[in-house]
């Protein structure tokens, strides 16, 4: 490229629309005297795609009202049953400082009554493993079965919280059945970095151009799916006599018995590529 060429383009005027107009290199390399004589300026449009191959994915959905009612009624029934609460007390297995945490009976999870909830989770899992970069490590066609290893209701009151922790299984999830009406008012009172009642996921470290946390103020019916190893925690709220009720669960994905490989989609693509080359 000639030394006298000059590039007079403001990137900042274009950066947010994903297009940058650049003078053609053939035009830039002409000398200044010939540049002055050229009337028609050739331009080319460069388009850019965002590539995010690193880090975990969180998928968010919304439960229909009938599932919110089904799961809330079932949670109320089992938490008010002293025998069930004692037999399926989940608090010793969890990190939280929470009033009551009770597991759903595995037999009920396999019942016809629970199938609409299980089906929704299954559809969410299909969506999750179809999104990059998750689909580059395990692909839907390799999955033979989804197993719900555990599901438990969390009844949280004023001052209760869950410190940052991880789960068992491969994928974990949480959905919300009750949210205190006072949370927006409490939120407004926190004049900086409000967190009251929020759930927050952390991954990696704070760095320029890279996020390291996702914080969310839950609404009734919100449901999230994420890797079991993704650290997350729940902040407390202050208003007394109000309940924040959620349900958490852990999943295991079982590959098809006749699948000849370990379920790595990238490995499968490479095998097909080299097979075609032959």
Protein backbone atom coordinates (compact mmCIF):
# COMPACT_ATOMS: atom_id res chain seq x y z
CA UNK A 1 0.00 0.00 0.00
CA UNK A 2 1.37 3.44 -0.92
CA UNK A 3 2.66 5.62 1.89
CA UNK A 4 0.61 8.66 0.90
CA UNK A 5 -2.73 6.94 1.06
CA UNK A 6 -5.07 8.34 3.68
CA UNK A 7 -7.96 6.56 5.39
CA UNK A 8 -10.58 8.97 6.66
CA UNK A 9 -13.30 6.79 8.16
CA UNK A 10 -14.98 7.19 11.54
CA UNK A 11 -15.63 3.75 13.00
CA UNK A 12 -17.60 5.14 15.93
CA UNK A 13 -20.34 6.44 13.65
CA UNK A 14 -21.07 2.96 12.37
CA UNK A 15 -20.11 0.50 15.07
CA UNK A 16 -23.60 0.01 16.51
CA UNK A 17 -25.28 -0.84 13.20
CA UNK A 18 -22.87 -3.65 12.37
CA UNK A 19 -21.72 -2.11 9.08
CA UNK A 20 -18.64 -0.06 8.22
CA UNK A 21 -18.13 1.74 4.92
CA UNK A 22 -14.53 1.60 3.72
CA UNK A 23 -13.00 3.13 0.62
CA UNK A 24 -11.83 0.50 -1.82
CA UNK A 25 -8.11 -0.33 -1.45
CA UNK A 26 -7.47 0.41 -5.12
CA UNK A 27 -8.74 3.93 -4.52
CA UNK A 28 -6.73 4.41 -1.33
CA UNK A 29 -3.44 3.43 -2.98
CA UNK A 30 -3.58 6.10 -5.66
CA UNK A 31 -1.48 9.19 -5.15
CA UNK A 32 -3.02 12.38 -3.82
CA UNK A 33 -2.98 14.10 -7.20
CA UNK A 34 -4.92 11.27 -8.82
CA UNK A 35 -7.23 11.05 -5.81
CA UNK A 36 -8.26 14.64 -6.31
CA UNK A 37 -9.23 13.94 -9.91
CA UNK A 38 -11.31 10.87 -9.12
CA UNK A 39 -14.97 11.81 -8.79
CA UNK A 40 -16.60 8.47 -8.16
CA UNK A 41 -15.55 6.84 -4.93
CA UNK A 42 -15.82 3.11 -4.80
CA UNK A 43 -17.13 1.74 -1.55
CA UNK A 44 -17.60 -1.72 -0.09
CA UNK A 45 -19.83 -2.74 2.78
CA UNK A 46 -18.33 -5.01 5.44
CA UNK A 47 -20.77 -7.04 7.52
CA UNK A 48 -19.91 -8.62 10.87
CA UNK A 49 -21.37 -11.54 12.82
CA UNK A 50 -21.00 -11.98 16.57
CA UNK A 51 -19.35 -15.26 17.55
CA UNK A 52 -19.65 -16.34 21.19
CA UNK A 53 -18.11 -19.81 21.42
CA UNK A 54 -17.17 -19.65 25.09
CA UNK A 55 -18.99 -19.92 28.37
CA UNK A 56 -22.25 -21.45 29.61
CA UNK A 57 -25.76 -20.84 28.28
CA UNK A 58 -28.83 -19.98 30.37
CA UNK A 59 -32.24 -20.60 28.80
CA UNK A 60 -35.31 -18.74 30.11
CA UNK A 61 -38.94 -19.70 29.60
CA UNK A 62 -42.41 -19.09 31.04
CA UNK A 63 -44.72 -21.63 32.65
CA UNK A 64 -48.38 -21.52 31.63
CA UNK A 65 -50.78 -20.61 34.44
CA UNK A 66 -52.16 -24.15 34.80
CA UNK A 67 -48.64 -25.52 35.50
CA UNK A 68 -47.94 -22.77 38.04
CA UNK A 69 -51.16 -23.78 39.86
CA UNK A 70 -50.43 -27.52 39.57
CA UNK A 71 -46.94 -27.24 41.02
CA UNK A 72 -47.89 -24.67 43.67
CA UNK A 73 -50.82 -26.78 44.90
CA UNK A 74 -48.60 -29.87 45.04
CA UNK A 75 -45.84 -27.98 46.89
CA UNK A 76 -48.35 -26.64 49.43
CA UNK A 77 -49.78 -30.10 50.02
CA UNK A 78 -46.43 -31.80 50.57
CA UNK A 79 -44.97 -29.01 52.75
CA UNK A 80 -48.06 -29.05 54.99
CA UNK A 81 -47.78 -32.84 55.32
CA UNK A 82 -45.51 -33.32 58.33
CA UNK A 83 -44.80 -36.94 57.50
CA UNK A 84 -43.83 -36.10 53.91
CA UNK A 85 -41.78 -33.04 54.99
CA UNK A 86 -39.80 -35.18 57.42
CA UNK A 87 -39.26 -38.06 55.00
CA UNK A 88 -38.33 -35.84 52.05
CA UNK A 89 -36.60 -33.01 53.90
CA UNK A 90 -34.01 -31.71 51.43
CA UNK A 91 -32.40 -29.04 53.63
CA UNK A 92 -29.45 -31.24 54.79
CA UNK A 93 -28.40 -31.66 51.14
CA UNK A 94 -28.49 -27.96 50.29
CA UNK A 95 -26.39 -24.88 50.93
CA UNK A 96 -29.19 -22.46 51.74
CA UNK A 97 -30.26 -20.77 54.94
CA UNK A 98 -33.95 -21.31 54.14
CA UNK A 99 -37.03 -22.04 56.23
CA UNK A 100 -38.23 -25.13 54.34
CA UNK A 101 -36.90 -27.21 51.43
CA UNK A 102 -38.83 -30.36 50.55
CA UNK A 103 -38.30 -32.92 47.77
CA UNK A 104 -41.07 -34.09 45.48
CA UNK A 105 -41.76 -37.81 45.78
CA UNK A 106 -40.05 -39.56 42.81
CA UNK A 107 -43.18 -41.68 42.36
CA UNK A 108 -45.28 -38.54 41.89
CA UNK A 109 -42.80 -37.17 39.34
CA UNK A 110 -43.41 -40.35 37.32
CA UNK A 111 -47.19 -40.06 37.62
CA UNK A 112 -49.60 -38.92 34.92
CA UNK A 113 -50.43 -35.81 36.95
CA UNK A 114 -46.81 -34.58 36.77
CA UNK A 115 -46.27 -35.34 33.08
CA UNK A 116 -47.20 -31.86 31.73
CA UNK A 117 -44.42 -30.37 33.87
CA UNK A 118 -41.92 -33.06 32.90
CA UNK A 119 -42.85 -32.64 29.24
CA UNK A 120 -42.25 -28.88 29.38
CA UNK A 121 -38.83 -29.43 30.94
CA UNK A 122 -38.05 -31.99 28.22
CA UNK A 123 -38.93 -29.51 25.47
CA UNK A 124 -36.75 -26.91 27.19
CA UNK A 125 -33.83 -29.36 27.26
CA UNK A 126 -34.24 -30.00 23.52
CA UNK A 127 -34.05 -26.27 22.93
CA UNK A 128 -31.04 -25.91 25.23
CA UNK A 129 -28.89 -28.54 23.54
CA UNK A 130 -29.74 -27.11 20.12
CA UNK A 131 -28.11 -23.75 20.90
CA UNK A 132 -24.38 -23.07 20.34
CA UNK A 133 -22.02 -23.77 21.99
CA UNK A 134 -24.02 -26.48 23.82
CA UNK A 135 -24.81 -28.30 20.57
CA UNK A 136 -21.09 -28.57 19.82
CA UNK A 137 -20.54 -30.77 22.87
CA UNK A 138 -23.73 -32.81 22.89
CA UNK A 139 -26.34 -32.98 20.15
CA UNK A 140 -30.08 -33.85 20.45
CA UNK A 141 -29.79 -36.91 18.19
CA UNK A 142 -27.37 -38.51 20.67
CA UNK A 143 -29.82 -38.27 23.60
CA UNK A 144 -31.90 -41.33 24.40
CA UNK A 145 -33.40 -40.33 27.74
CA UNK A 146 -33.80 -37.44 30.18
CA UNK A 147 -33.80 -38.39 33.86
CA UNK A 148 -35.07 -36.01 36.56
CA UNK A 149 -32.73 -36.94 39.40
CA UNK A 150 -34.32 -34.65 41.96
CA UNK A 151 -36.84 -31.83 42.31
CA UNK A 152 -37.56 -29.83 45.46
CA UNK A 153 -39.62 -26.87 46.61
CA UNK A 154 -37.95 -23.95 48.37
CA UNK A 155 -40.06 -21.84 50.75
CA UNK A 156 -38.16 -18.63 51.51
CA UNK A 157 -39.16 -15.93 54.00
CA UNK A 158 -37.67 -12.65 55.25
CA UNK A 159 -33.93 -13.00 55.83
CA UNK A 160 -33.62 -16.40 54.13
CA UNK A 161 -30.94 -16.70 51.46
CA UNK A 162 -28.96 -19.16 49.38
CA UNK A 163 -25.19 -18.59 49.20
CA UNK A 164 -23.41 -19.22 45.92
CA UNK A 165 -23.36 -22.92 45.13
CA UNK A 166 -23.54 -25.49 42.33
CA UNK A 167 -25.75 -28.54 41.73
CA UNK A 168 -25.55 -32.23 40.89
CA UNK A 169 -26.59 -33.75 37.56
CA UNK A 170 -25.73 -32.26 34.15
CA UNK A 171 -28.41 -29.60 33.76
CA UNK A 172 -30.20 -27.78 36.56
CA UNK A 173 -33.24 -25.56 36.62
CA UNK A 174 -35.46 -23.36 38.74
CA UNK A 175 -38.98 -21.98 38.35
CA UNK A 176 -41.02 -19.58 40.45
CA UNK A 177 -44.45 -20.15 41.98
CA UNK A 178 -44.76 -17.22 44.40
CA UNK A 179 -42.98 -13.86 44.54
CA UNK A 180 -43.55 -11.29 47.34
CA UNK A 181 -45.53 -8.26 46.16
CA UNK A 182 -43.28 -6.07 48.30
CA UNK A 183 -40.12 -6.75 46.25
CA UNK A 184 -40.43 -3.74 43.87
CA UNK A 185 -40.85 -1.41 46.86
CA UNK A 186 -37.87 -2.95 48.64
CA UNK A 187 -35.86 -2.76 45.44
CA UNK A 188 -36.54 0.97 45.18
CA UNK A 189 -35.15 1.54 48.67
CA UNK A 190 -31.75 0.08 47.75
CA UNK A 191 -30.13 3.20 46.28
CA UNK A 192 -27.17 1.36 44.73
CA UNK A 193 -26.59 -2.18 43.49
CA UNK A 194 -30.11 -3.44 44.36
CA UNK A 195 -30.29 -7.20 44.87
CA UNK A 196 -33.33 -7.87 47.08
CA UNK A 197 -34.87 -11.26 46.29
CA UNK A 198 -32.83 -11.68 43.10
CA UNK A 199 -31.14 -14.79 41.75
CA UNK A 200 -27.64 -14.28 40.37
CA UNK A 201 -25.36 -16.51 38.29
CA UNK A 202 -21.58 -16.04 38.20
CA UNK A 203 -19.00 -17.41 35.78
CA UNK A 204 -15.39 -16.46 35.03
CA UNK A 205 -14.05 -13.07 36.04
CA UNK A 206 -14.79 -9.42 35.39
CA UNK A 207 -12.98 -8.35 32.22
CA UNK A 208 -13.25 -5.76 29.48
CA UNK A 209 -15.70 -6.80 26.74
CA UNK A 210 -16.77 -9.86 28.73
CA UNK A 211 -19.62 -10.36 31.19
CA UNK A 212 -19.23 -12.50 34.30
CA UNK A 213 -22.67 -12.42 35.95
CA UNK A 214 -26.39 -12.47 35.20
CA UNK A 215 -28.83 -11.16 37.81
CA UNK A 216 -32.61 -11.53 37.56
CA UNK A 217 -35.64 -10.34 39.55
CA UNK A 218 -37.98 -13.36 39.33
CA UNK A 219 -41.61 -13.22 38.25
CA UNK A 220 -44.21 -15.92 38.83
CA UNK A 221 -43.87 -18.51 36.08
CA UNK A 222 -40.26 -17.75 35.15
CA UNK A 223 -38.24 -20.90 34.49
CA UNK A 224 -34.49 -21.19 33.86
CA UNK A 225 -32.24 -24.01 32.65
CA UNK A 226 -28.45 -23.94 33.08
CA UNK A 227 -25.38 -26.20 33.55
CA UNK A 228 -25.22 -27.85 36.97
CA UNK A 229 -21.71 -26.42 37.56
CA UNK A 230 -22.74 -22.79 37.01
CA UNK A 231 -22.42 -21.01 40.37
CA UNK A 232 -25.52 -19.11 41.50
CA UNK A 233 -27.05 -17.68 44.64
CA UNK A 234 -30.22 -16.06 45.96
CA UNK A 235 -30.34 -12.75 47.84
CA UNK A 236 -32.68 -12.21 50.84
CA UNK A 237 -35.64 -9.87 51.14
CA UNK A 238 -36.87 -8.09 54.30
CA UNK A 239 -40.69 -7.88 54.32
CA UNK A 240 -42.18 -10.20 56.92
CA UNK A 241 -45.06 -12.64 56.39
CA UNK A 242 -44.44 -12.94 52.65
CA UNK A 243 -43.18 -16.02 50.81
CA UNK A 244 -40.90 -16.47 47.83
CA UNK A 245 -41.56 -19.99 46.57
CA UNK A 246 -39.48 -21.68 43.90
CA UNK A 247 -38.82 -25.21 42.66
CA UNK A 248 -35.35 -26.42 41.69
CA UNK A 249 -34.42 -29.59 39.82
CA UNK A 250 -31.44 -31.56 38.50
CA UNK A 251 -31.36 -33.53 35.25
CA UNK A 252 -29.19 -36.23 33.75
CA UNK A 253 -29.05 -36.83 29.99
CA UNK A 254 -28.51 -40.45 28.94
CA UNK A 255 -27.06 -41.15 25.49
CA UNK A 256 -28.57 -43.72 23.17
CA UNK A 257 -27.32 -47.25 23.86
CA UNK A 258 -26.28 -47.88 20.25
CA UNK A 259 -24.58 -44.52 19.86
CA UNK A 260 -20.97 -45.49 18.94
CA UNK A 261 -19.46 -42.33 20.35
CA UNK A 262 -19.53 -40.45 23.61
CA UNK A 263 -21.96 -37.82 22.40
CA UNK A 264 -19.51 -35.21 21.19
CA UNK A 265 -21.16 -33.43 18.27
CA UNK A 266 -17.95 -31.83 17.05
CA UNK A 267 -16.27 -35.24 16.84
CA UNK A 268 -19.22 -36.56 14.85
CA UNK A 269 -19.01 -33.70 12.36
CA UNK A 270 -15.32 -34.32 11.83
CA UNK A 271 -15.91 -38.02 11.22
CA UNK A 272 -18.57 -37.23 8.60
CA UNK A 273 -16.30 -34.64 7.00
CA UNK A 274 -13.39 -37.05 6.54
CA UNK A 275 -15.75 -39.83 5.42
CA UNK A 276 -17.02 -37.56 2.60
CA UNK A 277 -13.45 -36.64 1.64
CA UNK A 278 -12.63 -40.30 1.14
